[in-house]
Amino acid sequence: MVQASAPPHPGIAELHPQGLPRPGRTLVMGVVNVTPDSFSDGGLSFAPEAAVAHGLALLEQGADIVDVGGESTRPGAARPTLEEELRRVLPVVRELAAAGAVVSVDTMRAEVAARALDAGARLINDVSGGLADPAMLPTMARADAPYVLMHWRGHATGMQANAVYGDVVTEVVDELRLRIEAALQAGIRPGCLILDPGLGFAKEAEHNWQLLGRLGEIRALGHPVLVGASRKSFLGRLLADPATGQPRPAQQRDAATTAVSALAAAQGAWCLRVHDVTSTLDAVRVTARWRAETPA
């Protein structure tokens, strides 16, 4: 089988959504989970005050974008109501935007997206790629704001049953291409679209590794690529205790995340969504400097 070839690493002025930071390197997006059951922090930022404080700390550490989410998407997680998601997210968005943060909102609901943009968010990060809410794509077309379109095969309660692939990279590319076409038909400008291969979403560990190893085939679709590997279970399994076989706990996976971040940045990832901003920022700065001295 012939694999799609990746284009050369784009210059910083290319493939970059309007209105977002342009620091001359891969961007770093810090995660603020306003949920009681986050896999990575157990709900430490669930209260709005704690979420705002965490977002401000990420901003101080150098995050280019702060991603606020009010719905847990870990495997098996139940959905909050629309009203509950709005209650969790909107106060945090307003406070962080007022403090000067570039705020992204992680939501699958069009109403949450629209109201978050009105509250000061500048980017919508939709893990369903517009499939969970038929109003999402038209809403984003009207908003004319940057939009992350992720590969998705169903809600968290049952998504892992859909982790069946022949060639995961080819199938993810084909399914993302269909979502790009749907977004463009809905009126979203090509320059607003950002792609995410959806690591961990209806993917087993080997699928995640294959997608990372062939990230260039996602980039070949012609849009910026966001990678969200931070603290995910496939890293915990790789680093399992050799004596017990127990996966490494989520909060002890940051060094591995940093390694993935550097490698993804070297493959031309536009942005990395992470919990530990400081180490990732170091990694992408080193990668940018390294690439500057690498012959074309």
C-alpha atoms as a PDB file:
ATOM      1  CA  MET A   1       0.000   0.000   0.000  1.00  0.00           C
ATOM      2  CA  VAL A   2       1.292   3.474  -0.898  1.00  0.00           C
ATOM      3  CA  GLN A   3       1.162   5.874   2.043  1.00  0.00           C
ATOM      4  CA  ALA A   4       0.378   9.549   1.583  1.00  0.00           C
ATOM      5  CA  SER A   5       3.534  11.600   1.707  1.00  0.00           C
ATOM      6  CA  ALA A   6       3.790  14.532   4.108  1.00  0.00           C
ATOM      7  CA  PRO A   7       4.469  18.000   2.772  1.00  0.00           C
ATOM      8  CA  PRO A   8       7.601  19.778   3.924  1.00  0.00           C
ATOM      9  CA  HIS A   9       7.302  21.347   7.364  1.00  0.00           C
ATOM     10  CA  PRO A  10       5.262  24.518   6.796  1.00  0.00           C
ATOM     11  CA  GLY A  11       6.632  27.920   7.636  1.00  0.00           C
ATOM     12  CA  ILE A  12       5.110  29.608  10.658  1.00  0.00           C
ATOM     13  CA  ALA A  13       3.068  31.938   8.437  1.00  0.00           C
ATOM     14  CA  GLU A  14       1.462  28.981   6.662  1.00  0.00           C
ATOM     15  CA  LEU A  15      -1.475  26.872   7.840  1.00  0.00           C
ATOM     16  CA  HIS A  16      -2.088  29.133  10.813  1.00  0.00           C
ATOM     17  CA  PRO A  17      -5.623  30.110  11.904  1.00  0.00           C
ATOM     18  CA  GLN A  18      -6.265  33.825  12.007  1.00  0.00           C
ATOM     19  CA  GLY A  19      -6.281  35.516  15.400  1.00  0.00           C
ATOM     20  CA  LEU A  20      -4.173  32.938  17.255  1.00  0.00           C
ATOM     21  CA  PRO A  21      -0.600  33.350  18.562  1.00  0.00           C
ATOM     22  CA  ARG A  22       2.351  33.036  16.143  1.00  0.00           C
ATOM     23  CA  PRO A  23       5.427  32.502  18.319  1.00  0.00           C
ATOM     24  CA  GLY A  24       7.595  30.919  15.614  1.00  0.00           C
ATOM     25  CA  ARG A  25       7.316  27.376  17.038  1.00  0.00           C
ATOM     26  CA  THR A  26       4.727  24.714  17.843  1.00  0.00           C
ATOM     27  CA  LEU A  27       2.065  26.177  20.151  1.00  0.00           C
ATOM     28  CA  VAL A  28       1.388  24.893  23.667  1.00  0.00           C
ATOM     29  CA  MET A  29      -2.207  24.567  24.868  1.00  0.00           C
ATOM     30  CA  GLY A  30      -2.676  24.155  28.617  1.00  0.00           C
ATOM     31  CA  VAL A  31      -5.601  22.081  29.909  1.00  0.00           C
ATOM     32  CA  VAL A  32      -8.165  23.351  32.416  1.00  0.00           C
ATOM     33  CA  ASN A  33     -10.651  20.586  33.275  1.00  0.00           C
ATOM     34  CA  VAL A  34     -13.733  22.056  34.969  1.00  0.00           C
ATOM     35  CA  THR A  35     -15.054  18.574  35.708  1.00  0.00           C
ATOM     36  CA  PRO A  36     -15.396  16.439  38.839  1.00  0.00           C
ATOM     37  CA  ASP A  37     -13.979  13.294  37.214  1.00  0.00           C
ATOM     38  CA  SER A  38     -11.011  14.207  35.038  1.00  0.00           C
ATOM     39  CA  PHE A  39      -8.714  11.220  34.492  1.00  0.00           C
ATOM     40  CA  SER A  40      -5.628  13.430  34.867  1.00  0.00           C
ATOM     41  CA  ASP A  41      -6.304  15.415  38.035  1.00  0.00           C
ATOM     42  CA  GLY A  42      -9.358  13.902  39.694  1.00  0.00           C
ATOM     43  CA  GLY A  43     -11.337  17.133  39.629  1.00  0.00           C
ATOM     44  CA  LEU A  44      -8.803  19.455  41.277  1.00  0.00           C
ATOM     45  CA  SER A  45     -10.016  22.380  39.124  1.00  0.00           C
ATOM     46  CA  PHE A  46     -13.740  21.648  39.358  1.00  0.00           C
ATOM     47  CA  ALA A  47     -14.702  24.764  41.338  1.00  0.00           C
ATOM     48  CA  PRO A  48     -14.739  27.879  39.087  1.00  0.00           C
ATOM     49  CA  GLU A  49     -12.294  29.706  41.367  1.00  0.00           C
ATOM     50  CA  ALA A  50      -9.859  26.802  41.251  1.00  0.00           C
ATOM     51  CA  ALA A  51     -10.230  26.513  37.472  1.00  0.00           C
ATOM     52  CA  VAL A  52      -9.506  30.207  36.970  1.00  0.00           C
ATOM     53  CA  ALA A  53      -6.484  30.022  39.272  1.00  0.00           C
ATOM     54  CA  HIS A  54      -5.180  27.008  37.378  1.00  0.00           C
ATOM     55  CA  GLY A  55      -5.703  28.738  34.030  1.00  0.00           C
ATOM     56  CA  LEU A  56      -3.856  31.827  35.234  1.00  0.00           C
ATOM     57  CA  ALA A  57      -1.002  29.624  36.450  1.00  0.00           C
ATOM     58  CA  LEU A  58      -0.772  27.992  33.022  1.00  0.00           C
ATOM     59  CA  LEU A  59      -0.736  31.432  31.432  1.00  0.00           C
ATOM     60  CA  GLU A  60       2.074  32.477  33.752  1.00  0.00           C
ATOM     61  CA  GLN A  61       4.006  29.355  32.775  1.00  0.00           C
ATOM     62  CA  GLY A  62       3.810  30.419  29.137  1.00  0.00           C
ATOM     63  CA  ALA A  63       0.792  28.621  27.673  1.00  0.00           C
ATOM     64  CA  ASP A  64      -0.103  30.076  24.287  1.00  0.00           C
ATOM     65  CA  ILE A  65      -3.704  28.882  24.600  1.00  0.00           C
ATOM     66  CA  VAL A  66      -5.730  27.793  27.643  1.00  0.00           C
ATOM     67  CA  ASP A  67      -8.284  25.053  26.867  1.00  0.00           C
ATOM     68  CA  VAL A  68     -11.328  25.045  29.170  1.00  0.00           C
ATOM     69  CA  GLY A  69     -13.574  21.985  29.210  1.00  0.00           C
ATOM     70  CA  GLY A  70     -16.721  21.258  31.194  1.00  0.00           C
ATOM     71  CA  GLU A  71     -17.339  17.689  29.994  1.00  0.00           C
ATOM     72  CA  SER A  72     -15.094  14.751  30.774  1.00  0.00           C
ATOM     73  CA  THR A  73     -14.354  12.682  27.675  1.00  0.00           C
ATOM     74  CA  ARG A  74     -12.418   9.884  29.367  1.00  0.00           C
ATOM     75  CA  PRO A  75     -13.625   6.406  28.342  1.00  0.00           C
ATOM     76  CA  GLY A  76     -16.914   5.625  30.079  1.00  0.00           C
ATOM     77  CA  ALA A  77     -17.663   9.168  31.240  1.00  0.00           C
ATOM     78  CA  ALA A  78     -21.314  10.288  31.396  1.00  0.00           C
ATOM     79  CA  ARG A  79     -22.324  13.609  29.827  1.00  0.00           C
ATOM     80  CA  PRO A  80     -23.385  16.625  31.927  1.00  0.00           C
ATOM     81  CA  THR A  81     -26.547  18.475  30.954  1.00  0.00           C
ATOM     82  CA  LEU A  82     -26.262  21.521  28.718  1.00  0.00           C
ATOM     83  CA  GLU A  83     -27.111  23.772  31.660  1.00  0.00           C
ATOM     84  CA  GLU A  84     -24.439  22.174  33.837  1.00  0.00           C
ATOM     85  CA  GLU A  85     -21.783  22.464  31.142  1.00  0.00           C
ATOM     86  CA  LEU A  86     -22.599  26.157  30.664  1.00  0.00           C
ATOM     87  CA  ARG A  87     -22.493  26.719  34.438  1.00  0.00           C
ATOM     88  CA  ARG A  88     -19.065  25.142  34.635  1.00  0.00           C
ATOM     89  CA  VAL A  89     -17.486  26.787  31.616  1.00  0.00           C
ATOM     90  CA  LEU A  90     -18.749  30.333  31.097  1.00  0.00           C
ATOM     91  CA  PRO A  91     -17.487  31.974  34.331  1.00  0.00           C
ATOM     92  CA  VAL A  92     -14.037  30.495  33.758  1.00  0.00           C
ATOM     93  CA  VAL A  93     -13.921  31.665  30.141  1.00  0.00           C
ATOM     94  CA  ARG A  94     -14.923  35.219  31.108  1.00  0.00           C
ATOM     95  CA  GLU A  95     -12.290  35.487  33.839  1.00  0.00           C
ATOM     96  CA  LEU A  96      -9.439  34.037  31.807  1.00  0.00           C
ATOM     97  CA  ALA A  97     -10.276  36.061  28.688  1.00  0.00           C
ATOM     98  CA  ALA A  98     -10.436  39.217  30.803  1.00  0.00           C
ATOM     99  CA  ALA A  99      -6.966  38.363  32.147  1.00  0.00           C
ATOM    100  CA  GLY A 100      -5.594  38.275  28.605  1.00  0.00           C
ATOM    101  CA  ALA A 101      -5.561  34.538  27.951  1.00  0.00           C
ATOM    102  CA  VAL A 102      -6.254  33.134  24.505  1.00  0.00           C
ATOM    103  CA  VAL A 103      -9.067  30.798  25.538  1.00  0.00           C
ATOM    104  CA  SER A 104     -10.162  27.639  23.776  1.00  0.00           C
ATOM    105  CA  VAL A 105     -13.312  25.811  24.830  1.00  0.00           C
ATOM    106  CA  ASP A 106     -13.496  22.027  24.623  1.00  0.00           C
ATOM    107  CA  THR A 107     -17.139  21.283  23.824  1.00  0.00           C
ATOM    108  CA  MET A 108     -19.317  19.168  21.552  1.00  0.00           C
ATOM    109  CA  ARG A 109     -22.360  21.436  21.917  1.00  0.00           C
ATOM    110  CA  ALA A 110     -23.106  24.295  19.539  1.00  0.00           C
ATOM    111  CA  GLU A 111     -24.818  26.426  22.187  1.00  0.00           C
ATOM    112  CA  VAL A 112     -21.851  26.114  24.520  1.00  0.00           C
ATOM    113  CA  ALA A 113     -19.543  27.052  21.633  1.00  0.00           C
ATOM    114  CA  ALA A 114     -21.589  30.116  20.680  1.00  0.00           C
ATOM    115  CA  ARG A 115     -21.939  31.390  24.223  1.00  0.00           C
ATOM    116  CA  ALA A 116     -18.279  30.714  25.005  1.00  0.00           C
ATOM    117  CA  LEU A 117     -17.210  32.757  21.976  1.00  0.00           C
ATOM    118  CA  ASP A 118     -19.513  35.564  23.152  1.00  0.00           C
ATOM    119  CA  ALA A 119     -17.831  35.325  26.580  1.00  0.00           C
ATOM    120  CA  GLY A 120     -14.366  35.838  25.078  1.00  0.00           C
ATOM    121  CA  ALA A 121     -13.173  32.441  23.832  1.00  0.00           C
ATOM    122  CA  ARG A 122     -11.273  32.532  20.537  1.00  0.00           C
ATOM    123  CA  LEU A 123     -11.132  28.857  19.576  1.00  0.00           C
ATOM    124  CA  ILE A 124     -13.562  25.924  19.787  1.00  0.00           C
ATOM    125  CA  ASN A 125     -12.123  22.449  20.320  1.00  0.00           C
ATOM    126  CA  ASP A 126     -14.773  19.884  19.343  1.00  0.00           C
ATOM    127  CA  VAL A 127     -13.725  16.292  19.998  1.00  0.00           C
ATOM    128  CA  SER A 128     -16.689  15.051  17.950  1.00  0.00           C
ATOM    129  CA  GLY A 129     -15.716  16.910  14.780  1.00  0.00           C
ATOM    130  CA  GLY A 130     -19.270  18.219  14.474  1.00  0.00           C
ATOM    131  CA  LEU A 131     -20.899  14.788  14.720  1.00  0.00           C
ATOM    132  CA  ALA A 132     -22.344  15.095  18.243  1.00  0.00           C
ATOM    133  CA  ASP A 133     -24.426  18.199  17.503  1.00  0.00           C
ATOM    134  CA  PRO A 134     -25.716  18.898  13.980  1.00  0.00           C
ATOM    135  CA  ALA A 135     -25.849  22.608  14.803  1.00  0.00           C
ATOM    136  CA  MET A 136     -22.101  22.821  15.496  1.00  0.00           C
ATOM    137  CA  LEU A 137     -20.786  23.246  11.950  1.00  0.00           C
ATOM    138  CA  PRO A 138     -23.332  25.948  10.968  1.00  0.00           C
ATOM    139  CA  THR A 139     -22.651  27.708  14.283  1.00  0.00           C
ATOM    140  CA  MET A 140     -18.907  27.752  13.628  1.00  0.00           C
ATOM    141  CA  ALA A 141     -19.465  28.955  10.064  1.00  0.00           C
ATOM    142  CA  ARG A 142     -21.405  31.938  11.399  1.00  0.00           C
ATOM    143  CA  ALA A 143     -18.813  32.602  14.097  1.00  0.00           C
ATOM    144  CA  ASP A 144     -15.903  32.476  11.607  1.00  0.00           C
ATOM    145  CA  ALA A 145     -13.615  31.399  14.455  1.00  0.00           C
ATOM    146  CA  PRO A 146     -10.866  28.758  14.547  1.00  0.00           C
ATOM    147  CA  TYR A 147     -12.319  25.284  15.013  1.00  0.00           C
ATOM    148  CA  VAL A 148     -10.602  22.033  16.002  1.00  0.00           C
ATOM    149  CA  LEU A 149     -12.172  19.090  14.203  1.00  0.00           C
ATOM    150  CA  MET A 150     -11.187  15.800  15.860  1.00  0.00           C
ATOM    151  CA  HIS A 151     -11.525  12.227  14.612  1.00  0.00           C
ATOM    152  CA  TRP A 152     -14.417  10.680  16.554  1.00  0.00           C
ATOM    153  CA  ARG A 153     -16.382   7.455  16.572  1.00  0.00           C
ATOM    154  CA  GLY A 154     -18.910   7.996  19.337  1.00  0.00           C
ATOM    155  CA  HIS A 155     -19.420   9.256  22.867  1.00  0.00           C
ATOM    156  CA  ALA A 156     -17.195   8.247  25.768  1.00  0.00           C
ATOM    157  CA  THR A 157     -19.646   5.689  27.161  1.00  0.00           C
ATOM    158  CA  GLY A 158     -19.152   3.356  24.212  1.00  0.00           C
ATOM    159  CA  MET A 159     -16.367   4.673  22.021  1.00  0.00           C
ATOM    160  CA  GLN A 160     -13.798   1.965  22.759  1.00  0.00           C
ATOM    161  CA  ALA A 161     -16.074  -0.641  21.184  1.00  0.00           C
ATOM    162  CA  ASN A 162     -15.453   1.243  17.921  1.00  0.00           C
ATOM    163  CA  ALA A 163     -11.649   0.935  18.139  1.00  0.00           C
ATOM    164  CA  VAL A 164     -11.546  -1.534  15.241  1.00  0.00           C
ATOM    165  CA  TYR A 165      -9.352  -0.700  12.246  1.00  0.00           C
ATOM    166  CA  GLY A 166      -7.581  -2.336   9.369  1.00  0.00           C
ATOM    167  CA  ASP A 167      -5.052   0.464   8.856  1.00  0.00           C
ATOM    168  CA  VAL A 168      -5.830   3.029  11.540  1.00  0.00           C
ATOM    169  CA  VAL A 169      -3.951   5.901   9.889  1.00  0.00           C
ATOM    170  CA  THR A 170      -5.579   5.434   6.491  1.00  0.00           C
ATOM    171  CA  GLU A 171      -9.028   5.153   8.067  1.00  0.00           C
ATOM    172  CA  VAL A 172      -8.552   8.181  10.319  1.00  0.00           C
ATOM    173  CA  VAL A 173      -7.336  10.227   7.345  1.00  0.00           C
ATOM    174  CA  ASP A 174     -10.319   9.143   5.260  1.00  0.00           C
ATOM    175  CA  GLU A 175     -12.803   9.913   8.040  1.00  0.00           C
ATOM    176  CA  LEU A 176     -11.207  13.292   8.756  1.00  0.00           C
ATOM    177  CA  ARG A 177     -11.395  14.098   5.046  1.00  0.00           C
ATOM    178  CA  LEU A 178     -15.156  13.503   5.156  1.00  0.00           C
ATOM    179  CA  ARG A 179     -15.494  15.832   8.146  1.00  0.00           C
ATOM    180  CA  ILE A 180     -13.432  18.506   6.381  1.00  0.00           C
ATOM    181  CA  GLU A 181     -15.798  18.275   3.420  1.00  0.00           C
ATOM    182  CA  ALA A 182     -18.814  18.574   5.743  1.00  0.00           C
ATOM    183  CA  ALA A 183     -17.290  21.606   7.455  1.00  0.00           C
ATOM    184  CA  LEU A 184     -16.556  23.341   4.164  1.00  0.00           C
ATOM    185  CA  GLN A 185     -20.054  22.586   2.865  1.00  0.00           C
ATOM    186  CA  ALA A 186     -21.448  24.141   6.049  1.00  0.00           C
ATOM    187  CA  GLY A 187     -19.583  27.354   5.240  1.00  0.00           C
ATOM    188  CA  ILE A 188     -16.530  27.095   7.502  1.00  0.00           C
ATOM    189  CA  ARG A 189     -13.535  28.737   5.867  1.00  0.00           C
ATOM    190  CA  PRO A 190     -10.580  26.398   5.219  1.00  0.00           C
ATOM    191  CA  GLY A 191      -8.321  28.751   7.181  1.00  0.00           C
ATOM    192  CA  CYS A 192     -10.387  28.186  10.338  1.00  0.00           C
ATOM    193  CA  LEU A 193      -9.986  24.403  10.394  1.00  0.00           C
ATOM    194  CA  ILE A 194      -7.559  22.556  12.661  1.00  0.00           C
ATOM    195  CA  LEU A 195      -7.337  18.744  12.721  1.00  0.00           C
ATOM    196  CA  ASP A 196      -6.838  16.373  15.648  1.00  0.00           C
ATOM    197  CA  PRO A 197      -6.293  12.621  15.089  1.00  0.00           C
ATOM    198  CA  GLY A 198      -8.084  11.878  18.373  1.00  0.00           C
ATOM    199  CA  LEU A 199      -5.497   9.902  20.332  1.00  0.00           C
ATOM    200  CA  GLY A 200      -7.290   7.707  22.860  1.00  0.00           C
ATOM    201  CA  PHE A 201     -10.741   8.298  21.371  1.00  0.00           C
ATOM    202  CA  ALA A 202     -11.900   4.943  19.983  1.00  0.00           C
ATOM    203  CA  LYS A 203      -8.213   4.036  19.756  1.00  0.00           C
ATOM    204  CA  GLU A 204      -6.218   1.303  21.457  1.00  0.00           C
ATOM    205  CA  ALA A 205      -2.599   1.895  22.463  1.00  0.00           C
ATOM    206  CA  GLU A 206      -1.151   0.526  19.224  1.00  0.00           C
ATOM    207  CA  HIS A 207      -3.469   2.789  17.214  1.00  0.00           C
ATOM    208  CA  ASN A 208      -2.175   5.866  19.049  1.00  0.00           C
ATOM    209  CA  TRP A 209       1.445   4.929  18.384  1.00  0.00           C
ATOM    210  CA  GLN A 210       0.760   4.338  14.705  1.00  0.00           C
ATOM    211  CA  LEU A 211      -0.944   7.713  14.358  1.00  0.00           C
ATOM    212  CA  LEU A 212       1.975   9.457  16.053  1.00  0.00           C
ATOM    213  CA  GLY A 213       4.503   7.659  13.888  1.00  0.00           C
ATOM    214  CA  ARG A 214       2.667   8.663  10.709  1.00  0.00           C
ATOM    215  CA  LEU A 215       1.559  12.143  11.761  1.00  0.00           C
ATOM    216  CA  GLY A 216       2.684  13.493   8.410  1.00  0.00           C
ATOM    217  CA  GLU A 217      -0.249  11.732   6.753  1.00  0.00           C
ATOM    218  CA  ILE A 218      -2.629  13.777   8.895  1.00  0.00           C
ATOM    219  CA  ARG A 219      -0.702  16.939   8.007  1.00  0.00           C
ATOM    220  CA  ALA A 220      -0.968  16.035   4.334  1.00  0.00           C
ATOM    221  CA  LEU A 221      -4.683  16.885   4.536  1.00  0.00           C
ATOM    222  CA  GLY A 222      -3.541  20.510   4.435  1.00  0.00           C
ATOM    223  CA  HIS A 223      -4.621  21.891   7.825  1.00  0.00           C
ATOM    224  CA  PRO A 224      -2.815  22.582  11.109  1.00  0.00           C
ATOM    225  CA  VAL A 225      -2.663  19.553  13.405  1.00  0.00           C
ATOM    226  CA  LEU A 226      -3.322  19.535  17.149  1.00  0.00           C
ATOM    227  CA  VAL A 227      -1.931  16.593  19.141  1.00  0.00           C
ATOM    228  CA  GLY A 228      -3.374  15.633  22.523  1.00  0.00           C
ATOM    229  CA  ALA A 229      -1.294  12.830  24.035  1.00  0.00           C
ATOM    230  CA  SER A 230      -0.829  14.289  27.500  1.00  0.00           C
ATOM    231  CA  ARG A 231      -0.950  11.760  30.348  1.00  0.00           C
ATOM    232  CA  LYS A 232      -3.042   9.328  28.311  1.00  0.00           C
ATOM    233  CA  SER A 233      -3.324   5.660  29.164  1.00  0.00           C
ATOM    234  CA  PHE A 234      -1.193   4.407  26.264  1.00  0.00           C
ATOM    235  CA  LEU A 235       1.767   6.156  27.915  1.00  0.00           C
ATOM    236  CA  GLY A 236       0.894   4.607  31.262  1.00  0.00           C
ATOM    237  CA  ARG A 237       0.846   1.148  29.679  1.00  0.00           C
ATOM    238  CA  LEU A 238       4.189   1.646  27.971  1.00  0.00           C
ATOM    239  CA  LEU A 239       5.723   2.666  31.312  1.00  0.00           C
ATOM    240  CA  ALA A 240       3.990  -0.003  33.420  1.00  0.00           C
ATOM    241  CA  ASP A 241       5.735  -1.287  36.527  1.00  0.00           C
ATOM    242  CA  PRO A 242       7.820  -4.247  35.301  1.00  0.00           C
ATOM    243  CA  ALA A 243       7.185  -6.147  38.526  1.00  0.00           C
ATOM    244  CA  THR A 244       3.421  -5.726  38.809  1.00  0.00           C
ATOM    245  CA  GLY A 245       2.344  -4.762  35.315  1.00  0.00           C
ATOM    246  CA  GLN A 246       0.392  -1.832  36.741  1.00  0.00           C
ATOM    247  CA  PRO A 247       0.278   1.182  34.407  1.00  0.00           C
ATOM    248  CA  ARG A 248       2.092   4.278  35.579  1.00  0.00           C
ATOM    249  CA  PRO A 249      -0.408   6.717  37.201  1.00  0.00           C
ATOM    250  CA  ALA A 250      -1.595   9.657  35.090  1.00  0.00           C
ATOM    251  CA  GLN A 251       0.206  12.333  37.080  1.00  0.00           C
ATOM    252  CA  GLN A 252       3.516  10.496  36.644  1.00  0.00           C
ATOM    253  CA  ARG A 253       3.374  10.531  32.829  1.00  0.00           C
ATOM    254  CA  ASP A 254       4.567  14.092  32.189  1.00  0.00           C
ATOM    255  CA  ALA A 255       8.126  13.144  31.205  1.00  0.00           C
ATOM    256  CA  ALA A 256       6.766  10.714  28.630  1.00  0.00           C
ATOM    257  CA  THR A 257       4.348  13.379  27.429  1.00  0.00           C
ATOM    258  CA  THR A 258       7.247  15.768  26.954  1.00  0.00           C
ATOM    259  CA  ALA A 259       9.058  13.206  24.802  1.00  0.00           C
ATOM    260  CA  VAL A 260       5.960  12.766  22.629  1.00  0.00           C
ATOM    261  CA  SER A 261       5.593  16.552  22.432  1.00  0.00           C
ATOM    262  CA  ALA A 262       9.128  17.019  21.130  1.00  0.00           C
ATOM    263  CA  LEU A 263       8.713  14.275  18.543  1.00  0.00           C
ATOM    264  CA  ALA A 264       5.313  15.585  17.397  1.00  0.00           C
ATOM    265  CA  ALA A 265       6.710  19.107  17.119  1.00  0.00           C
ATOM    266  CA  ALA A 266       9.583  17.743  15.024  1.00  0.00           C
ATOM    267  CA  GLN A 267       6.976  16.246  12.665  1.00  0.00           C
ATOM    268  CA  GLY A 268       5.303  19.636  12.234  1.00  0.00           C
ATOM    269  CA  ALA A 269       2.480  19.546  14.787  1.00  0.00           C
ATOM    270  CA  TRP A 270       0.874  22.991  14.997  1.00  0.00           C
ATOM    271  CA  CYS A 271      -0.112  22.732  18.675  1.00  0.00           C
ATOM    272  CA  LEU A 272       0.211  20.357  21.638  1.00  0.00           C
ATOM    273  CA  ARG A 273      -2.561  20.049  24.238  1.00  0.00           C
ATOM    274  CA  VAL A 274      -0.905  19.255  27.578  1.00  0.00           C
ATOM    275  CA  HIS A 275      -1.247  19.391  31.346  1.00  0.00           C
ATOM    276  CA  ASP A 276       2.381  20.316  32.082  1.00  0.00           C
ATOM    277  CA  VAL A 277       3.059  23.523  30.159  1.00  0.00           C
ATOM    278  CA  THR A 278       6.574  24.248  31.414  1.00  0.00           C
ATOM    279  CA  SER A 279       8.232  21.039  30.198  1.00  0.00           C
ATOM    280  CA  THR A 280       6.361  21.092  26.890  1.00  0.00           C
ATOM    281  CA  LEU A 281       7.323  24.691  26.228  1.00  0.00           C
ATOM    282  CA  ASP A 282      10.961  23.746  26.806  1.00  0.00           C
ATOM    283  CA  ALA A 283      10.562  20.813  24.416  1.00  0.00           C
ATOM    284  CA  VAL A 284       9.067  22.839  21.563  1.00  0.00           C
ATOM    285  CA  ARG A 285      11.669  25.585  21.942  1.00  0.00           C
ATOM    286  CA  VAL A 286      14.453  23.027  21.714  1.00  0.00           C
ATOM    287  CA  THR A 287      12.751  21.395  18.728  1.00  0.00           C
ATOM    288  CA  ALA A 288      12.368  24.718  16.920  1.00  0.00           C
ATOM    289  CA  ARG A 289      16.039  25.529  17.450  1.00  0.00           C
ATOM    290  CA  TRP A 290      17.084  22.066  16.310  1.00  0.00           C
ATOM    291  CA  ARG A 291      14.987  22.309  13.157  1.00  0.00           C
ATOM    292  CA  ALA A 292      16.454  25.724  12.405  1.00  0.00           C
ATOM    293  CA  GLU A 293      19.853  24.056  11.989  1.00  0.00           C
ATOM    294  CA  THR A 294      18.602  20.976  10.146  1.00  0.00           C
ATOM    295  CA  PRO A 295      19.266  20.982   6.394  1.00  0.00           C
ATOM    296  CA  ALA A 296      16.115  21.043   4.304  1.00  0.00           C
END
